[in-house]
Amino acid sequence: MFVSFLDELRRAGIPASPKEHLVLLEALDRQVIAPTPEEFYYLSRAIYVKDESLIDRFDRVFAHVFRGLQAPGETTAEVPEEWLRAVAEKFLTPEEMEAIRSLGDWDTIMDTLRKRLEEQKGRHQGGSKWIGTGGTSPFGNGGYNPEGVRIEGESRHKRAIKVWEKREFRNLDSSVELGTRNIKVALRRLRRFARDGAAEELDLDATIDGTARKGYLDVRMRAERRNAVKLLLFLDVGGSMDPHVRVCEELFSAATAEFKHLEFFYFHNCVYEGVWKDNRRRFAERTPTWDVLHKFGHDYKLLFVGDAAMSPYEITHPGGSVEHMNEEAGATWLKRMTGVYPAAGWINPVPEEQWGYSASTGLVREIMVDRMYPMTLDGLDRAARALGRKR
């Protein structure tokens, strides 16, 4: 199994060597981890993966090779299918809907949710109090309440104060082959080359000329041309960005190829107090946004990539995030970042003619001082020219 694991990693384009394979076997022989699939996953990933952009490919290989792997003595319990499927929407009379009362303010709703989670011992379907499916309680899935908390799943009403669910996002792959080189050409407008005496490259023409003149080998070197542009790339992932994964991967792949000084981070919908590098660990391994602002200098170019489609409250209000309780509004962080990095822009994969249908898109455009560009060749060209004019 382990030999096939090595072969599959290589086939997926992950540079796994026999030496790394022997290190993994030695670590297992010395029992440096507990015999669980999760710990084996993190051990093998730490040994084989040297580039964060390869984590997603590693995950796919690991799932393929070790599908069904289970720790000795581990017991599992199947979740009944009926729990995972929302029951049909109830047809309520006007009198029944009038009888539904909201619990009050945000704190009251969240306190009540915590209490009911502690009190409830089993599954509940239909009804008006317990957390379950298809009822009129403010908590659960598939039921009706205009001011409720949806727990997992999807609701056809799409009406709730907070969507409380743990999304799983996929990292972008920097090695995706582009269907066209035009994206690279558009991004290349940002590049400024500078002479760097610390590194040199062979000057072939001067070497040939000098050798011919002197009659012996005269090697001439010149300062290497280096890409001096520094780029901070923030990528929106998950939710409404899922249909745009392919084009975002192409943009990400082009950016990693074109810019020597590139730093990237992920966010969801809007940037708040924390961003992350690995979508699998986004709740456990976040980078404070303040640290980013203090670590990278004002000479960095700042580029956001996202559809800017969200609830306006995620931008304008504290606590508006769909995943956590943010103490400061998203607009505060966006203004803070564009203040530190004056050369800033926003790339939107949604067609430009559709931006007017989203109130949140208008808010982001206002904050960005209309520096939002469509993810088209013309849009990328305009963004590159605009960022290039900023110093």
Protein backbone atom coordinates (compact mmCIF):
# COMPACT_ATOMS: atom_id res chain seq x y z
CA MET A 1 0.00 0.00 0.00
CA PHE A 2 2.79 2.44 0.91
CA VAL A 3 4.60 1.82 -2.39
CA SER A 4 1.41 2.57 -4.33
CA PHE A 5 1.02 5.69 -2.20
CA LEU A 6 4.43 6.92 -3.36
CA ASP A 7 3.60 6.11 -6.99
CA GLU A 8 0.26 7.92 -6.80
CA LEU A 9 1.89 11.00 -5.29
CA ARG A 10 4.39 11.16 -8.13
CA ARG A 11 1.65 10.60 -10.69
CA ALA A 12 -0.22 13.58 -9.22
CA GLY A 13 2.83 15.79 -9.71
CA ILE A 14 4.00 15.84 -6.09
CA PRO A 15 7.82 15.50 -5.97
CA ALA A 16 7.99 12.53 -3.57
CA SER A 17 11.39 10.83 -3.35
CA PRO A 18 12.41 7.40 -1.99
CA LYS A 19 14.29 9.22 0.77
CA GLU A 20 11.08 10.83 2.00
CA HIS A 21 9.36 7.46 1.75
CA LEU A 22 12.03 5.91 3.99
CA VAL A 23 11.63 8.76 6.48
CA LEU A 24 7.90 8.00 6.67
CA LEU A 25 8.56 4.28 7.23
CA GLU A 26 11.14 5.05 9.90
CA ALA A 27 8.74 7.39 11.69
CA LEU A 28 6.07 4.68 11.69
CA ASP A 29 8.57 2.08 12.90
CA ARG A 30 9.53 4.32 15.83
CA GLN A 31 5.87 4.97 16.61
CA VAL A 32 6.19 8.75 16.65
CA ILE A 33 2.42 9.05 16.17
CA ALA A 34 -0.64 7.33 17.52
CA PRO A 35 -2.02 4.63 15.18
CA THR A 36 -4.90 6.70 13.81
CA PRO A 37 -5.69 7.69 10.23
CA GLU A 38 -5.76 11.39 11.13
CA GLU A 39 -2.28 11.43 12.67
CA PHE A 40 -0.91 9.35 9.80
CA TYR A 41 -2.39 11.88 7.38
CA TYR A 42 -0.65 14.84 9.06
CA LEU A 43 2.63 12.94 9.39
CA SER A 44 2.75 11.92 5.73
CA ARG A 45 1.64 15.38 4.58
CA ALA A 46 4.42 17.01 6.63
CA ILE A 47 6.98 14.70 5.01
CA TYR A 48 5.86 14.78 1.40
CA VAL A 49 4.36 18.26 0.89
CA LYS A 50 6.84 21.13 0.68
CA ASP A 51 4.55 23.60 -1.06
CA GLU A 52 1.18 24.70 0.34
CA SER A 53 -0.34 24.81 -3.12
CA LEU A 54 0.09 21.01 -3.38
CA ILE A 55 -1.98 20.22 -0.29
CA ASP A 56 -5.21 19.79 -2.21
CA ARG A 57 -3.62 17.30 -4.61
CA PHE A 58 -2.12 15.42 -1.67
CA ASP A 59 -5.56 15.21 -0.05
CA ARG A 60 -7.07 13.70 -3.19
CA VAL A 61 -4.29 11.10 -3.45
CA PHE A 62 -4.53 10.24 0.24
CA ALA A 63 -8.31 9.77 0.02
CA HIS A 64 -7.90 7.57 -3.06
CA VAL A 65 -5.16 5.30 -1.67
CA PHE A 66 -6.40 4.96 1.89
CA ARG A 67 -10.14 4.99 1.27
CA GLY A 68 -11.94 3.11 4.05
CA LEU A 69 -8.93 3.12 6.40
CA GLN A 70 -10.06 2.79 10.01
CA ALA A 71 -8.16 2.67 13.27
CA PRO A 72 -8.20 -0.69 15.15
CA GLY A 73 -11.09 -0.87 17.55
CA GLU A 74 -12.62 2.32 16.20
CA THR A 75 -16.38 2.28 16.12
CA THR A 76 -18.52 4.37 13.88
CA ALA A 77 -22.16 5.28 13.96
CA GLU A 78 -24.14 5.98 10.86
CA VAL A 79 -26.25 9.07 10.83
CA PRO A 80 -29.79 8.11 9.76
CA GLU A 81 -30.49 9.27 6.25
CA GLU A 82 -33.67 10.91 7.49
CA TRP A 83 -31.56 13.25 9.60
CA LEU A 84 -29.70 14.43 6.54
CA ARG A 85 -32.75 15.11 4.42
CA ALA A 86 -35.04 18.01 5.18
CA VAL A 87 -38.71 17.12 5.34
CA ALA A 88 -41.13 18.76 3.01
CA GLU A 89 -41.94 22.35 3.76
CA LYS A 90 -45.03 22.79 5.86
CA PHE A 91 -47.99 24.65 4.43
CA LEU A 92 -48.92 27.13 7.09
CA THR A 93 -52.11 29.13 7.30
CA PRO A 94 -51.90 32.87 7.95
CA GLU A 95 -53.07 32.18 11.50
CA GLU A 96 -50.23 29.69 12.07
CA MET A 97 -47.63 32.09 10.70
CA GLU A 98 -49.05 34.85 12.89
CA ALA A 99 -48.60 32.58 15.90
CA ILE A 100 -44.86 32.22 15.21
CA ARG A 101 -43.00 34.64 17.40
CA SER A 102 -39.34 35.56 17.23
CA LEU A 103 -37.43 35.13 20.44
CA GLY A 104 -36.12 38.69 20.52
CA ASP A 105 -32.64 40.08 20.10
CA TRP A 106 -29.50 38.27 18.99
CA ASP A 107 -28.18 37.42 22.47
CA THR A 108 -31.51 35.92 23.53
CA ILE A 109 -31.63 33.71 20.44
CA MET A 110 -28.05 32.45 20.88
CA ASP A 111 -28.49 31.80 24.62
CA THR A 112 -31.67 29.84 23.96
CA LEU A 113 -29.94 27.82 21.22
CA ARG A 114 -27.14 26.83 23.61
CA LYS A 115 -29.61 25.80 26.30
CA ARG A 116 -31.65 23.66 23.93
CA LEU A 117 -28.55 21.97 22.57
CA GLU A 118 -27.70 21.02 26.16
CA GLU A 119 -31.23 19.85 27.01
CA GLN A 120 -32.12 17.98 23.83
CA LYS A 121 -31.07 14.33 23.87
CA GLY A 122 -32.37 13.01 20.56
CA ARG A 123 -33.69 13.71 17.12
CA HIS A 124 -36.74 15.92 16.66
CA GLN A 125 -38.82 16.45 13.56
CA GLY A 126 -41.53 19.07 13.21
CA GLY A 127 -42.75 21.19 16.06
CA SER A 128 -42.07 24.59 17.50
CA LYS A 129 -39.41 24.23 20.20
CA TRP A 130 -36.70 21.58 19.78
CA ILE A 131 -33.86 21.76 17.28
CA GLY A 132 -34.77 19.59 14.31
CA THR A 133 -36.23 19.59 10.82
CA GLY A 134 -39.37 20.92 9.25
CA GLY A 135 -40.82 22.73 12.23
CA THR A 136 -41.44 26.31 13.25
CA SER A 137 -38.71 26.53 15.89
CA PRO A 138 -36.19 29.37 15.40
CA PHE A 139 -33.48 26.68 15.30
CA GLY A 140 -32.92 23.78 12.91
CA ASN A 141 -33.24 23.04 9.23
CA GLY A 142 -35.97 22.88 6.63
CA GLY A 143 -38.69 24.56 8.64
CA TYR A 144 -40.23 28.00 8.78
CA ASN A 145 -39.30 30.87 11.04
CA PRO A 146 -38.48 34.35 9.72
CA GLU A 147 -35.87 35.02 12.42
CA GLY A 148 -34.03 31.83 13.08
CA VAL A 149 -30.68 30.10 13.14
CA ARG A 150 -30.15 27.48 10.41
CA ILE A 151 -27.94 24.58 11.54
CA GLU A 152 -26.23 22.83 8.58
CA GLY A 153 -28.11 21.95 5.43
CA GLU A 154 -30.01 24.29 3.14
CA SER A 155 -33.28 26.09 3.71
CA ARG A 156 -35.62 26.95 0.88
CA HIS A 157 -36.80 29.99 2.79
CA LYS A 158 -33.27 31.48 2.83
CA ARG A 159 -34.39 33.57 5.80
CA ALA A 160 -32.28 33.48 8.94
CA ILE A 161 -30.29 35.81 11.17
CA LYS A 162 -27.14 33.71 10.93
CA VAL A 163 -26.14 30.72 8.84
CA TRP A 164 -24.35 28.52 11.32
CA GLU A 165 -22.48 25.86 9.39
CA LYS A 166 -18.93 24.67 8.97
CA ARG A 167 -18.05 24.94 5.31
CA GLU A 168 -15.22 22.97 3.74
CA PHE A 169 -13.27 24.94 1.13
CA ARG A 170 -10.65 23.66 -1.28
CA ASN A 171 -7.24 25.26 -1.70
CA LEU A 172 -6.41 26.68 -5.10
CA ASP A 173 -3.82 24.76 -7.12
CA SER A 174 -0.98 26.90 -8.45
CA SER A 175 0.05 24.32 -11.07
CA VAL A 176 -3.16 24.39 -13.10
CA GLU A 177 -2.26 24.63 -16.78
CA LEU A 178 -3.73 27.75 -18.29
CA GLY A 179 -5.94 27.45 -21.33
CA THR A 180 -4.33 30.66 -22.60
CA ARG A 181 -1.18 32.61 -21.84
CA ASN A 182 -3.07 35.89 -22.08
CA ILE A 183 -3.68 36.03 -18.32
CA LYS A 184 0.06 35.92 -17.75
CA VAL A 185 0.61 38.59 -20.37
CA ALA A 186 -1.96 40.84 -18.69
CA LEU A 187 -0.41 40.36 -15.25
CA ARG A 188 3.05 40.96 -16.65
CA ARG A 189 2.25 44.65 -17.01
CA LEU A 190 2.72 44.90 -13.26
CA ARG A 191 6.29 43.71 -13.46
CA ARG A 192 9.15 46.12 -12.93
CA PHE A 193 12.60 44.69 -13.36
CA ALA A 194 15.53 45.91 -11.30
CA ARG A 195 19.22 45.20 -11.37
CA ASP A 196 20.39 43.16 -8.44
CA GLY A 197 24.16 42.90 -8.11
CA ALA A 198 23.90 40.07 -5.60
CA ALA A 199 22.97 37.62 -8.35
CA GLU A 200 24.42 37.29 -11.84
CA GLU A 201 23.64 35.43 -15.03
CA LEU A 202 25.72 34.55 -18.07
CA ASP A 203 25.88 37.28 -20.73
CA LEU A 204 26.18 35.00 -23.76
CA ASP A 205 26.63 37.71 -26.42
CA ALA A 206 29.35 39.50 -24.45
CA THR A 207 31.08 36.17 -23.73
CA ILE A 208 31.18 35.24 -27.43
CA ASP A 209 32.41 38.70 -28.40
CA GLY A 210 35.10 38.77 -25.71
CA THR A 211 36.30 35.27 -26.53
CA ALA A 212 36.58 36.10 -30.25
CA ARG A 213 38.55 39.27 -29.52
CA LYS A 214 40.98 37.81 -26.99
CA GLY A 215 41.46 34.35 -28.45
CA TYR A 216 40.62 32.55 -25.18
CA LEU A 217 37.46 31.95 -23.18
CA ASP A 218 36.32 35.24 -21.70
CA VAL A 219 33.24 34.60 -19.56
CA ARG A 220 31.16 37.73 -19.05
CA MET A 221 28.45 37.94 -16.38
CA ARG A 222 25.71 40.48 -15.88
CA ALA A 223 23.35 41.32 -13.06
CA GLU A 224 20.31 39.05 -13.13
CA ARG A 225 17.00 40.64 -14.00
CA ARG A 226 14.67 40.17 -11.09
CA ASN A 227 10.98 40.84 -10.80
CA ALA A 228 10.85 43.63 -8.24
CA VAL A 229 7.06 43.81 -7.90
CA LYS A 230 5.68 42.71 -4.55
CA LEU A 231 2.11 41.43 -4.59
CA LEU A 232 -0.33 40.63 -1.78
CA LEU A 233 -3.11 38.41 -3.14
CA PHE A 234 -6.32 37.82 -1.14
CA LEU A 235 -8.62 35.13 -2.53
CA ASP A 236 -12.29 34.67 -1.62
CA VAL A 237 -13.21 30.96 -1.38
CA GLY A 238 -16.36 28.95 -0.74
CA GLY A 239 -20.06 29.62 -1.13
CA SER A 240 -20.89 31.73 -4.18
CA MET A 241 -17.25 31.51 -5.33
CA ASP A 242 -17.48 27.76 -6.02
CA PRO A 243 -18.58 28.23 -9.68
CA HIS A 244 -15.49 30.41 -10.26
CA VAL A 245 -12.88 28.00 -8.89
CA ARG A 246 -11.44 27.12 -12.29
CA VAL A 247 -10.79 30.67 -13.48
CA CYS A 248 -9.45 31.62 -10.03
CA GLU A 249 -7.01 28.71 -10.20
CA GLU A 250 -5.84 29.94 -13.59
CA LEU A 251 -5.30 33.43 -12.19
CA PHE A 252 -3.54 32.03 -9.12
CA SER A 253 -1.32 29.82 -11.30
CA ALA A 254 -0.38 32.76 -13.51
CA ALA A 255 0.37 34.99 -10.51
CA THR A 256 2.67 32.44 -8.86
CA ALA A 257 4.55 32.05 -12.15
CA GLU A 258 4.92 35.78 -12.84
CA PHE A 259 5.75 37.27 -9.44
CA LYS A 260 8.81 36.37 -7.42
CA HIS A 261 7.58 38.29 -4.38
CA LEU A 262 4.03 36.95 -3.94
CA GLU A 263 2.16 36.42 -0.69
CA PHE A 264 -1.37 35.01 -0.73
CA PHE A 265 -4.12 34.51 1.82
CA TYR A 266 -7.69 33.22 1.76
CA PHE A 267 -10.84 34.83 3.14
CA HIS A 268 -14.57 34.18 2.89
CA ASN A 269 -16.90 36.90 1.55
CA CYS A 270 -15.12 39.79 3.28
CA VAL A 271 -11.81 40.27 5.06
CA TYR A 272 -12.06 40.52 8.84
CA GLU A 273 -9.55 40.22 11.67
CA GLY A 274 -8.09 36.91 10.44
CA VAL A 275 -7.07 35.30 7.15
CA TRP A 276 -5.56 31.90 6.42
CA LYS A 277 -3.22 29.95 4.15
CA ASP A 278 -4.81 26.50 4.31
CA ASN A 279 -8.56 26.09 3.92
CA ARG A 280 -8.51 22.77 5.79
CA ARG A 281 -7.08 24.54 8.85
CA ARG A 282 -8.78 27.92 8.52
CA PHE A 283 -10.32 27.76 12.00
CA ALA A 284 -7.18 26.45 13.75
CA GLU A 285 -4.38 28.26 11.93
CA ARG A 286 -5.39 31.84 11.15
CA THR A 287 -3.07 34.76 10.54
CA PRO A 288 -4.21 37.98 12.23
CA THR A 289 -4.85 40.63 9.59
CA TRP A 290 -2.99 43.11 11.77
CA ASP A 291 0.11 40.91 11.44
CA VAL A 292 -0.17 41.04 7.65
CA LEU A 293 -0.42 44.84 7.71
CA HIS A 294 2.62 45.13 9.95
CA LYS A 295 4.76 42.49 8.21
CA PHE A 296 4.47 43.57 4.59
CA GLY A 297 5.55 47.06 3.60
CA HIS A 298 3.62 49.83 1.87
CA ASP A 299 5.40 49.02 -1.40
CA TYR A 300 3.31 45.87 -1.85
CA LYS A 301 0.50 45.88 -4.40
CA LEU A 302 -2.80 44.70 -2.92
CA LEU A 303 -5.20 42.61 -5.01
CA PHE A 304 -8.48 41.06 -3.86
CA VAL A 305 -10.19 38.35 -5.90
CA GLY A 306 -13.86 37.71 -5.11
CA ASP A 307 -17.43 38.12 -6.33
CA ALA A 308 -18.31 40.61 -3.53
CA ALA A 309 -21.70 38.85 -3.27
CA MET A 310 -22.86 38.63 0.34
CA SER A 311 -25.28 40.11 2.81
CA PRO A 312 -24.65 43.87 3.12
CA TYR A 313 -24.49 43.38 6.88
CA GLU A 314 -21.28 41.37 6.41
CA ILE A 315 -19.68 44.60 5.21
CA THR A 316 -21.41 47.26 7.29
CA HIS A 317 -22.04 45.71 10.73
CA PRO A 318 -20.01 44.04 13.49
CA GLY A 319 -21.26 40.47 13.94
CA GLY A 320 -22.35 40.30 10.31
CA SER A 321 -20.00 37.46 9.32
CA VAL A 322 -21.69 34.16 8.48
CA GLU A 323 -18.97 32.14 10.23
CA HIS A 324 -17.99 33.91 13.41
CA MET A 325 -18.66 36.94 15.60
CA ASN A 326 -16.55 39.70 14.08
CA GLU A 327 -16.00 42.62 16.44
CA GLU A 328 -15.38 45.09 13.61
CA ALA A 329 -17.28 45.48 10.35
CA GLY A 330 -15.77 44.23 7.10
CA ALA A 331 -15.76 47.78 5.72
CA THR A 332 -13.45 48.82 8.56
CA TRP A 333 -10.89 46.20 7.57
CA LEU A 334 -11.12 46.92 3.84
CA LYS A 335 -10.53 50.64 4.45
CA ARG A 336 -7.69 49.82 6.81
CA MET A 337 -5.98 47.63 4.21
CA THR A 338 -6.39 50.04 1.31
CA GLY A 339 -5.02 52.77 3.57
CA VAL A 340 -1.83 50.78 4.21
CA TYR A 341 -1.50 49.68 0.57
CA PRO A 342 -2.55 52.56 -1.73
CA ALA A 343 -1.90 50.46 -4.85
CA ALA A 344 -4.99 48.26 -4.45
CA GLY A 345 -7.61 46.69 -6.70
CA TRP A 346 -10.42 44.12 -6.69
CA ILE A 347 -10.89 41.47 -9.42
CA ASN A 348 -14.49 40.22 -9.76
CA PRO A 349 -15.21 36.96 -11.68
CA VAL A 350 -18.87 37.94 -12.12
CA PRO A 351 -19.64 39.69 -15.45
CA GLU A 352 -19.51 43.45 -15.03
CA GLU A 353 -23.04 43.98 -16.32
CA GLN A 354 -24.38 41.93 -13.38
CA TRP A 355 -22.69 43.90 -10.61
CA GLY A 356 -25.67 46.24 -10.25
CA TYR A 357 -27.87 43.36 -9.08
CA SER A 358 -25.91 43.01 -5.83
CA ALA A 359 -26.04 45.71 -3.14
CA SER A 360 -22.90 44.34 -1.49
CA THR A 361 -20.96 44.66 -4.75
CA GLY A 362 -21.84 48.36 -4.85
CA LEU A 363 -20.62 48.77 -1.26
CA VAL A 364 -17.29 47.10 -2.03
CA ARG A 365 -16.84 49.22 -5.18
CA GLU A 366 -17.43 52.34 -3.11
CA ILE A 367 -14.87 51.30 -0.50
CA MET A 368 -12.37 50.44 -3.25
CA VAL A 369 -13.00 53.87 -4.84
CA ASP A 370 -14.34 52.14 -7.96
CA ARG A 371 -11.15 50.11 -8.38
CA MET A 372 -13.07 46.92 -9.17
CA TYR A 373 -12.32 45.14 -12.44
CA PRO A 374 -13.93 42.16 -14.18
CA MET A 375 -11.94 38.95 -14.52
CA THR A 376 -11.54 39.35 -18.26
CA LEU A 377 -8.40 40.03 -20.24
CA ASP A 378 -9.40 43.66 -20.58
CA GLY A 379 -10.24 43.85 -16.87
CA LEU A 380 -6.90 42.34 -15.84
CA ASP A 381 -5.11 44.72 -18.19
CA ARG A 382 -6.93 47.71 -16.66
CA ALA A 383 -6.16 46.50 -13.14
CA ALA A 384 -2.48 46.01 -13.94
CA ARG A 385 -2.20 49.47 -15.49
CA ALA A 386 -3.95 51.08 -12.50
CA LEU A 387 -1.77 49.29 -9.94
CA GLY A 388 1.34 50.08 -11.95
CA ARG A 389 0.62 53.82 -11.73
CA LYS A 390 0.52 53.66 -7.91
CA ARG A 391 3.80 53.92 -6.07
